Amino acid sequence: MPELERQERLQIMLTAEELEALEDWRFEQRMPSRAAAVRELLRRGLAAEGKLLAPGSKSTAYGVLDAVKKDGSAID
């Protein structure tokens, strides 16, 4: 499994209702973690604005930007 390099931490504050909605969506989508769910929602929002390609469906694709190997090729 490729190792992802996430070098930045983003902390956000949510209301109880926002957190509940996030958790409900996460479990419905069978996301592996809360962070993965937030990244997927961010990816989808950016894609909707035309900033990124459509979201991937593999669990390794739960990053905001497409994963890239050191040689520049995409990680499947």
PDB file of N, CA and C in Angstrom:
ATOM      1  N   MET A   1       0.856  -1.182   0.000  1.00  0.00           N
ATOM      2  CA  MET A   1       0.000   0.000   0.000  1.00  0.00           C
ATOM      3  C   MET A   1       0.895   1.236   0.000  1.00  0.00           C
ATOM      4  N   PRO A   2       0.616   2.201  -0.869  1.00  0.00           N
ATOM      5  CA  PRO A   2       1.456   3.401  -0.920  1.00  0.00           C
ATOM      6  C   PRO A   2       1.301   4.240   0.337  1.00  0.00           C
ATOM      7  N   GLU A   3       2.399   4.826   0.740  1.00  0.00           N
ATOM      8  CA  GLU A   3       2.374   5.700   1.913  1.00  0.00           C
ATOM      9  C   GLU A   3       2.026   7.121   1.467  1.00  0.00           C
ATOM     10  N   LEU A   4       1.029   7.712   2.095  1.00  0.00           N
ATOM     11  CA  LEU A   4       0.630   9.075   1.772  1.00  0.00           C
ATOM     12  C   LEU A   4       1.426  10.040   2.622  1.00  0.00           C
ATOM     13  N   GLU A   5       1.845  11.120   2.039  1.00  0.00           N
ATOM     14  CA  GLU A   5       2.579  12.134   2.781  1.00  0.00           C
ATOM     15  C   GLU A   5       1.655  13.316   3.030  1.00  0.00           C
ATOM     16  N   ARG A   6       1.082  13.367   4.213  1.00  0.00           N
ATOM     17  CA  ARG A   6       0.228  14.487   4.590  1.00  0.00           C
ATOM     18  C   ARG A   6       1.026  15.321   5.570  1.00  0.00           C
ATOM     19  N   GLN A   7       1.419  16.500   5.139  1.00  0.00           N
ATOM     20  CA  GLN A   7       2.328  17.309   5.931  1.00  0.00           C
ATOM     21  C   GLN A   7       1.650  18.463   6.655  1.00  0.00           C
ATOM     22  N   GLU A   8       0.404  18.700   6.360  1.00  0.00           N
ATOM     23  CA  GLU A   8      -0.303  19.822   6.986  1.00  0.00           C
ATOM     24  C   GLU A   8      -1.472  19.306   7.800  1.00  0.00           C
ATOM     25  N   ARG A   9      -1.692  19.928   8.938  1.00  0.00           N
ATOM     26  CA  ARG A   9      -2.826  19.600   9.797  1.00  0.00           C
ATOM     27  C   ARG A   9      -3.827  20.749   9.701  1.00  0.00           C
ATOM     28  N   LEU A  10      -5.092  20.385   9.572  1.00  0.00           N
ATOM     29  CA  LEU A  10      -6.168  21.366   9.515  1.00  0.00           C
ATOM     30  C   LEU A  10      -7.132  21.049  10.646  1.00  0.00           C
ATOM     31  N   GLN A  11      -7.317  21.988  11.538  1.00  0.00           N
ATOM     32  CA  GLN A  11      -8.259  21.793  12.637  1.00  0.00           C
ATOM     33  C   GLN A  11      -9.478  22.667  12.383  1.00  0.00           C
ATOM     34  N   ILE A  12     -10.668  22.086  12.573  1.00  0.00           N
ATOM     35  CA  ILE A  12     -11.901  22.837  12.384  1.00  0.00           C
ATOM     36  C   ILE A  12     -12.819  22.606  13.576  1.00  0.00           C
ATOM     37  N   MET A  13     -13.648  23.569  13.827  1.00  0.00           N
ATOM     38  CA  MET A  13     -14.644  23.457  14.879  1.00  0.00           C
ATOM     39  C   MET A  13     -15.998  23.222  14.203  1.00  0.00           C
ATOM     40  N   LEU A  14     -16.769  22.274  14.722  1.00  0.00           N
ATOM     41  CA  LEU A  14     -18.081  21.953  14.184  1.00  0.00           C
ATOM     42  C   LEU A  14     -19.129  22.068  15.281  1.00  0.00           C
ATOM     43  N   THR A  15     -20.336  22.391  14.861  1.00  0.00           N
ATOM     44  CA  THR A  15     -21.448  22.334  15.808  1.00  0.00           C
ATOM     45  C   THR A  15     -21.807  20.868  16.016  1.00  0.00           C
ATOM     46  N   ALA A  16     -22.576  20.587  17.020  1.00  0.00           N
ATOM     47  CA  ALA A  16     -23.020  19.212  17.275  1.00  0.00           C
ATOM     48  C   ALA A  16     -23.798  18.670  16.076  1.00  0.00           C
ATOM     49  N   GLU A  17     -24.602  19.515  15.459  1.00  0.00           N
ATOM     50  CA  GLU A  17     -25.393  19.095  14.303  1.00  0.00           C
ATOM     51  C   GLU A  17     -24.504  18.803  13.101  1.00  0.00           C
ATOM     52  N   GLU A  18     -23.481  19.623  12.877  1.00  0.00           N
ATOM     53  CA  GLU A  18     -22.553  19.382  11.768  1.00  0.00           C
ATOM     54  C   GLU A  18     -21.793  18.078  11.967  1.00  0.00           C
ATOM     55  N   LEU A  19     -21.349  17.836  13.193  1.00  0.00           N
ATOM     56  CA  LEU A  19     -20.620  16.610  13.494  1.00  0.00           C
ATOM     57  C   LEU A  19     -21.519  15.389  13.313  1.00  0.00           C
ATOM     58  N   GLU A  20     -22.750  15.497  13.747  1.00  0.00           N
ATOM     59  CA  GLU A  20     -23.688  14.391  13.583  1.00  0.00           C
ATOM     60  C   GLU A  20     -23.933  14.096  12.101  1.00  0.00           C
ATOM     61  N   ALA A  21     -24.094  15.148  11.299  1.00  0.00           N
ATOM     62  CA  ALA A  21     -24.294  14.970   9.858  1.00  0.00           C
ATOM     63  C   ALA A  21     -23.066  14.324   9.221  1.00  0.00           C
ATOM     64  N   LEU A  22     -21.881  14.760   9.623  1.00  0.00           N
ATOM     65  CA  LEU A  22     -20.641  14.184   9.105  1.00  0.00           C
ATOM     66  C   LEU A  22     -20.543  12.703   9.464  1.00  0.00           C
ATOM     67  N   GLU A  23     -20.798  12.388  10.718  1.00  0.00           N
ATOM     68  CA  GLU A  23     -20.719  10.999  11.170  1.00  0.00           C
ATOM     69  C   GLU A  23     -21.758  10.120  10.479  1.00  0.00           C
ATOM     70  N   ASP A  24     -22.974  10.628  10.326  1.00  0.00           N
ATOM     71  CA  ASP A  24     -24.017   9.865   9.620  1.00  0.00           C
ATOM     72  C   ASP A  24     -23.581   9.575   8.189  1.00  0.00           C
ATOM     73  N   TRP A  25     -23.077  10.596   7.490  1.00  0.00           N
ATOM     74  CA  TRP A  25     -22.626  10.429   6.104  1.00  0.00           C
ATOM     75  C   TRP A  25     -21.459   9.448   6.041  1.00  0.00           C
ATOM     76  N   ARG A  26     -20.524   9.603   6.964  1.00  0.00           N
ATOM     77  CA  ARG A  26     -19.349   8.724   7.005  1.00  0.00           C
ATOM     78  C   ARG A  26     -19.758   7.258   7.110  1.00  0.00           C
ATOM     79  N   PHE A  27     -20.660   6.949   8.025  1.00  0.00           N
ATOM     80  CA  PHE A  27     -21.070   5.561   8.213  1.00  0.00           C
ATOM     81  C   PHE A  27     -21.895   5.050   7.030  1.00  0.00           C
ATOM     82  N   GLU A  28     -22.730   5.907   6.434  1.00  0.00           N
ATOM     83  CA  GLU A  28     -23.493   5.510   5.252  1.00  0.00           C
ATOM     84  C   GLU A  28     -22.568   5.182   4.085  1.00  0.00           C
ATOM     85  N   GLN A  29     -21.476   5.923   3.969  1.00  0.00           N
ATOM     86  CA  GLN A  29     -20.509   5.731   2.882  1.00  0.00           C
ATOM     87  C   GLN A  29     -19.445   4.692   3.215  1.00  0.00           C
ATOM     88  N   ARG A  30     -19.459   4.195   4.449  1.00  0.00           N
ATOM     89  CA  ARG A  30     -18.479   3.207   4.915  1.00  0.00           C
ATOM     90  C   ARG A  30     -17.046   3.743   4.810  1.00  0.00           C
ATOM     91  N   MET A  31     -16.890   4.992   5.205  1.00  0.00           N
ATOM     92  CA  MET A  31     -15.579   5.629   5.164  1.00  0.00           C
ATOM     93  C   MET A  31     -14.741   5.092   6.322  1.00  0.00           C
ATOM     94  N   PRO A  32     -13.426   4.932   6.119  1.00  0.00           N
ATOM     95  CA  PRO A  32     -12.576   4.345   7.145  1.00  0.00           C
ATOM     96  C   PRO A  32     -12.326   5.240   8.362  1.00  0.00           C
ATOM     97  N   SER A  33     -12.486   6.546   8.210  1.00  0.00           N
ATOM     98  CA  SER A  33     -12.232   7.450   9.341  1.00  0.00           C
ATOM     99  C   SER A  33     -12.967   8.764   9.126  1.00  0.00           C
ATOM    100  N   ARG A  34     -13.045   9.540  10.191  1.00  0.00           N
ATOM    101  CA  ARG A  34     -13.640  10.874  10.105  1.00  0.00           C
ATOM    102  C   ARG A  34     -12.816  11.759   9.168  1.00  0.00           C
ATOM    103  N   ALA A  35     -11.497  11.660   9.280  1.00  0.00           N
ATOM    104  CA  ALA A  35     -10.617  12.457   8.424  1.00  0.00           C
ATOM    105  C   ALA A  35     -10.816  12.102   6.950  1.00  0.00           C
ATOM    106  N   ALA A  36     -10.966  10.815   6.651  1.00  0.00           N
ATOM    107  CA  ALA A  36     -11.199  10.396   5.266  1.00  0.00           C
ATOM    108  C   ALA A  36     -12.519  10.966   4.750  1.00  0.00           C
ATOM    109  N   ALA A  37     -13.525  10.990   5.607  1.00  0.00           N
ATOM    110  CA  ALA A  37     -14.821  11.542   5.214  1.00  0.00           C
ATOM    111  C   ALA A  37     -14.701  13.034   4.916  1.00  0.00           C
ATOM    112  N   VAL A  38     -13.996  13.763   5.755  1.00  0.00           N
ATOM    113  CA  VAL A  38     -13.813  15.202   5.529  1.00  0.00           C
ATOM    114  C   VAL A  38     -13.042  15.430   4.227  1.00  0.00           C
ATOM    115  N   ARG A  39     -11.965  14.639   3.998  1.00  0.00           N
ATOM    116  CA  ARG A  39     -11.200  14.795   2.750  1.00  0.00           C
ATOM    117  C   ARG A  39     -12.063  14.495   1.535  1.00  0.00           C
ATOM    118  N   GLU A  40     -12.907  13.451   1.617  1.00  0.00           N
ATOM    119  CA  GLU A  40     -13.768  13.106   0.482  1.00  0.00           C
ATOM    120  C   GLU A  40     -14.800  14.199   0.223  1.00  0.00           C
ATOM    121  N   LEU A  41     -15.388  14.750   1.269  1.00  0.00           N
ATOM    122  CA  LEU A  41     -16.347  15.842   1.087  1.00  0.00           C
ATOM    123  C   LEU A  41     -15.666  17.080   0.514  1.00  0.00           C
ATOM    124  N   LEU A  42     -14.443  17.356   0.957  1.00  0.00           N
ATOM    125  CA  LEU A  42     -13.674  18.469   0.408  1.00  0.00           C
ATOM    126  C   LEU A  42     -13.377  18.228  -1.061  1.00  0.00           C
ATOM    127  N   ARG A  43     -12.961  17.011  -1.395  1.00  0.00           N
ATOM    128  CA  ARG A  43     -12.686  16.660  -2.784  1.00  0.00           C
ATOM    129  C   ARG A  43     -13.928  16.857  -3.645  1.00  0.00           C
ATOM    130  N   ARG A  44     -15.086  16.373  -3.154  1.00  0.00           N
ATOM    131  CA  ARG A  44     -16.326  16.493  -3.914  1.00  0.00           C
ATOM    132  C   ARG A  44     -16.731  17.957  -4.098  1.00  0.00           C
ATOM    133  N   GLY A  45     -16.555  18.752  -3.062  1.00  0.00           N
ATOM    134  CA  GLY A  45     -16.894  20.173  -3.167  1.00  0.00           C
ATOM    135  C   GLY A  45     -16.010  20.881  -4.175  1.00  0.00           C
ATOM    136  N   LEU A  46     -14.722  20.599  -4.142  1.00  0.00           N
ATOM    137  CA  LEU A  46     -13.805  21.202  -5.109  1.00  0.00           C
ATOM    138  C   LEU A  46     -14.094  20.707  -6.520  1.00  0.00           C
ATOM    139  N   ALA A  47     -14.425  19.428  -6.672  1.00  0.00           N
ATOM    140  CA  ALA A  47     -14.769  18.888  -7.985  1.00  0.00           C
ATOM    141  C   ALA A  47     -16.026  19.564  -8.527  1.00  0.00           C
ATOM    142  N   ALA A  48     -16.994  19.817  -7.655  1.00  0.00           N
ATOM    143  CA  ALA A  48     -18.229  20.475  -8.069  1.00  0.00           C
ATOM    144  C   ALA A  48     -17.958  21.897  -8.575  1.00  0.00           C
ATOM    145  N   GLU A  49     -16.912  22.504  -8.052  1.00  0.00           N
ATOM    146  CA  GLU A  49     -16.528  23.846  -8.480  1.00  0.00           C
ATOM    147  C   GLU A  49     -15.578  23.812  -9.669  1.00  0.00           C
ATOM    148  N   GLY A  50     -15.293  22.618 -10.175  1.00  0.00           N
ATOM    149  CA  GLY A  50     -14.415  22.479 -11.325  1.00  0.00           C
ATOM    150  C   GLY A  50     -12.941  22.588 -10.986  1.00  0.00           C
ATOM    151  N   LYS A  51     -12.586  22.401  -9.742  1.00  0.00           N
ATOM    152  CA  LYS A  51     -11.194  22.543  -9.310  1.00  0.00           C
ATOM    153  C   LYS A  51     -10.438  21.231  -9.346  1.00  0.00           C
ATOM    154  N   LEU A  52     -11.130  20.094  -9.302  1.00  0.00           N
ATOM    155  CA  LEU A  52     -10.493  18.778  -9.304  1.00  0.00           C
ATOM    156  C   LEU A  52     -11.277  17.832 -10.185  1.00  0.00           C
ATOM    157  N   LEU A  53     -10.664  16.698 -10.499  1.00  0.00           N
ATOM    158  CA  LEU A  53     -11.367  15.643 -11.202  1.00  0.00           C
ATOM    159  C   LEU A  53     -12.370  14.999 -10.265  1.00  0.00           C
ATOM    160  N   ALA A  54     -13.253  14.191 -10.803  1.00  0.00           N
ATOM    161  CA  ALA A  54     -14.262  13.510  -9.995  1.00  0.00           C
ATOM    162  C   ALA A  54     -13.592  12.647  -8.928  1.00  0.00           C
ATOM    163  N   PRO A  55     -14.251  12.467  -7.790  1.00  0.00           N
ATOM    164  CA  PRO A  55     -13.654  11.695  -6.691  1.00  0.00           C
ATOM    165  C   PRO A  55     -13.440  10.241  -7.053  1.00  0.00           C
ATOM    166  N   GLY A  56     -12.397   9.631  -6.473  1.00  0.00           N
ATOM    167  CA  GLY A  56     -12.115   8.215  -6.667  1.00  0.00           C
ATOM    168  C   GLY A  56     -12.985   7.375  -5.755  1.00  0.00           C
ATOM    169  N   SER A  57     -12.998   6.078  -6.005  1.00  0.00           N
ATOM    170  CA  SER A  57     -13.834   5.220  -5.187  1.00  0.00           C
ATOM    171  C   SER A  57     -13.032   4.284  -4.287  1.00  0.00           C
ATOM    172  N   LYS A  58     -11.716   4.177  -4.492  1.00  0.00           N
ATOM    173  CA  LYS A  58     -10.898   3.318  -3.640  1.00  0.00           C
ATOM    174  C   LYS A  58     -10.576   4.039  -2.340  1.00  0.00           C
ATOM    175  N   SER A  59     -10.404   3.277  -1.278  1.00  0.00           N
ATOM    176  CA  SER A  59     -10.095   3.901   0.009  1.00  0.00           C
ATOM    177  C   SER A  59      -8.763   4.635  -0.033  1.00  0.00           C
ATOM    178  N   THR A  60      -7.839   4.192  -0.893  1.00  0.00           N
ATOM    179  CA  THR A  60      -6.555   4.887  -1.013  1.00  0.00           C
ATOM    180  C   THR A  60      -6.701   6.213  -1.736  1.00  0.00           C
ATOM    181  N   ALA A  61      -7.859   6.465  -2.313  1.00  0.00           N
ATOM    182  CA  ALA A  61      -8.083   7.699  -3.061  1.00  0.00           C
ATOM    183  C   ALA A  61      -8.750   8.773  -2.206  1.00  0.00           C
ATOM    184  N   TYR A  62      -8.827   8.578  -0.891  1.00  0.00           N
ATOM    185  CA  TYR A  62      -9.492   9.541  -0.044  1.00  0.00           C
ATOM    186  C   TYR A  62      -8.582  10.686   0.344  1.00  0.00           C
ATOM    187  N   GLY A  63      -7.848  11.188  -0.620  1.00  0.00           N
ATOM    188  CA  GLY A  63      -7.070  12.399  -0.478  1.00  0.00           C
ATOM    189  C   GLY A  63      -7.727  13.461  -1.329  1.00  0.00           C
ATOM    190  N   VAL A  64      -7.372  14.681  -1.117  1.00  0.00           N
ATOM    191  CA  VAL A  64      -7.985  15.755  -1.892  1.00  0.00           C
ATOM    192  C   VAL A  64      -7.398  15.799  -3.297  1.00  0.00           C
ATOM    193  N   LEU A  65      -6.102  15.639  -3.417  1.00  0.00           N
ATOM    194  CA  LEU A  65      -5.448  15.624  -4.718  1.00  0.00           C
ATOM    195  C   LEU A  65      -5.083  14.189  -5.060  1.00  0.00           C
ATOM    196  N   ASP A  66      -4.985  13.888  -6.355  1.00  0.00           N
ATOM    197  CA  ASP A  66      -4.612  12.542  -6.773  1.00  0.00           C
ATOM    198  C   ASP A  66      -3.232  12.190  -6.250  1.00  0.00           C
ATOM    199  N   ALA A  67      -3.077  10.970  -5.753  1.00  0.00           N
ATOM    200  CA  ALA A  67      -1.789  10.499  -5.251  1.00  0.00           C
ATOM    201  C   ALA A  67      -0.829  10.315  -6.422  1.00  0.00           C
ATOM    202  N   VAL A  68       0.415  10.710  -6.220  1.00  0.00           N
ATOM    203  CA  VAL A  68       1.414  10.628  -7.271  1.00  0.00           C
ATOM    204  C   VAL A  68       2.664   9.965  -6.724  1.00  0.00           C
ATOM    205  N   LYS A  69       3.228   9.044  -7.507  1.00  0.00           N
ATOM    206  CA  LYS A  69       4.479   8.401  -7.129  1.00  0.00           C
ATOM    207  C   LYS A  69       5.625   9.389  -7.296  1.00  0.00           C
ATOM    208  N   LYS A  70       6.784   9.050  -6.735  1.00  0.00           N
ATOM    209  CA  LYS A  70       7.935   9.935  -6.835  1.00  0.00           C
ATOM    210  C   LYS A  70       8.376  10.152  -8.268  1.00  0.00           C
ATOM    211  N   ASP A  71       8.095   9.183  -9.176  1.00  0.00           N
ATOM    212  CA  ASP A  71       8.488   9.366 -10.564  1.00  0.00           C
ATOM    213  C   ASP A  71       7.469  10.208 -11.346  1.00  0.00           C
ATOM    214  N   GLY A  72       6.409  10.661 -10.664  1.00  0.00           N
ATOM    215  CA  GLY A  72       5.405  11.533 -11.280  1.00  0.00           C
ATOM    216  C   GLY A  72       4.179  10.814 -11.813  1.00  0.00           C
ATOM    217  N   SER A  73       4.184   9.468 -11.795  1.00  0.00           N
ATOM    218  CA  SER A  73       3.024   8.727 -12.295  1.00  0.00           C
ATOM    219  C   SER A  73       1.982   8.603 -11.196  1.00  0.00           C
ATOM    220  N   ALA A  74       0.737   8.429 -11.600  1.00  0.00           N
ATOM    221  CA  ALA A  74      -0.378   8.328 -10.648  1.00  0.00           C
ATOM    222  C   ALA A  74      -0.346   6.989  -9.937  1.00  0.00           C
ATOM    223  N   ILE A  75      -0.737   6.988  -8.675  1.00  0.00           N
ATOM    224  CA  ILE A  75      -0.886   5.761  -7.908  1.00  0.00           C
ATOM    225  C   ILE A  75      -2.296   5.261  -8.118  1.00  0.00           C
ATOM    226  N   ASP A  76      -2.429   3.995  -8.537  1.00  0.00           N
ATOM    227  CA  ASP A  76      -3.763   3.421  -8.779  1.00  0.00           C
ATOM    228  C   ASP A  76      -4.450   3.074  -7.492  1.00  0.00           C
TER     229      ASP A  76
END
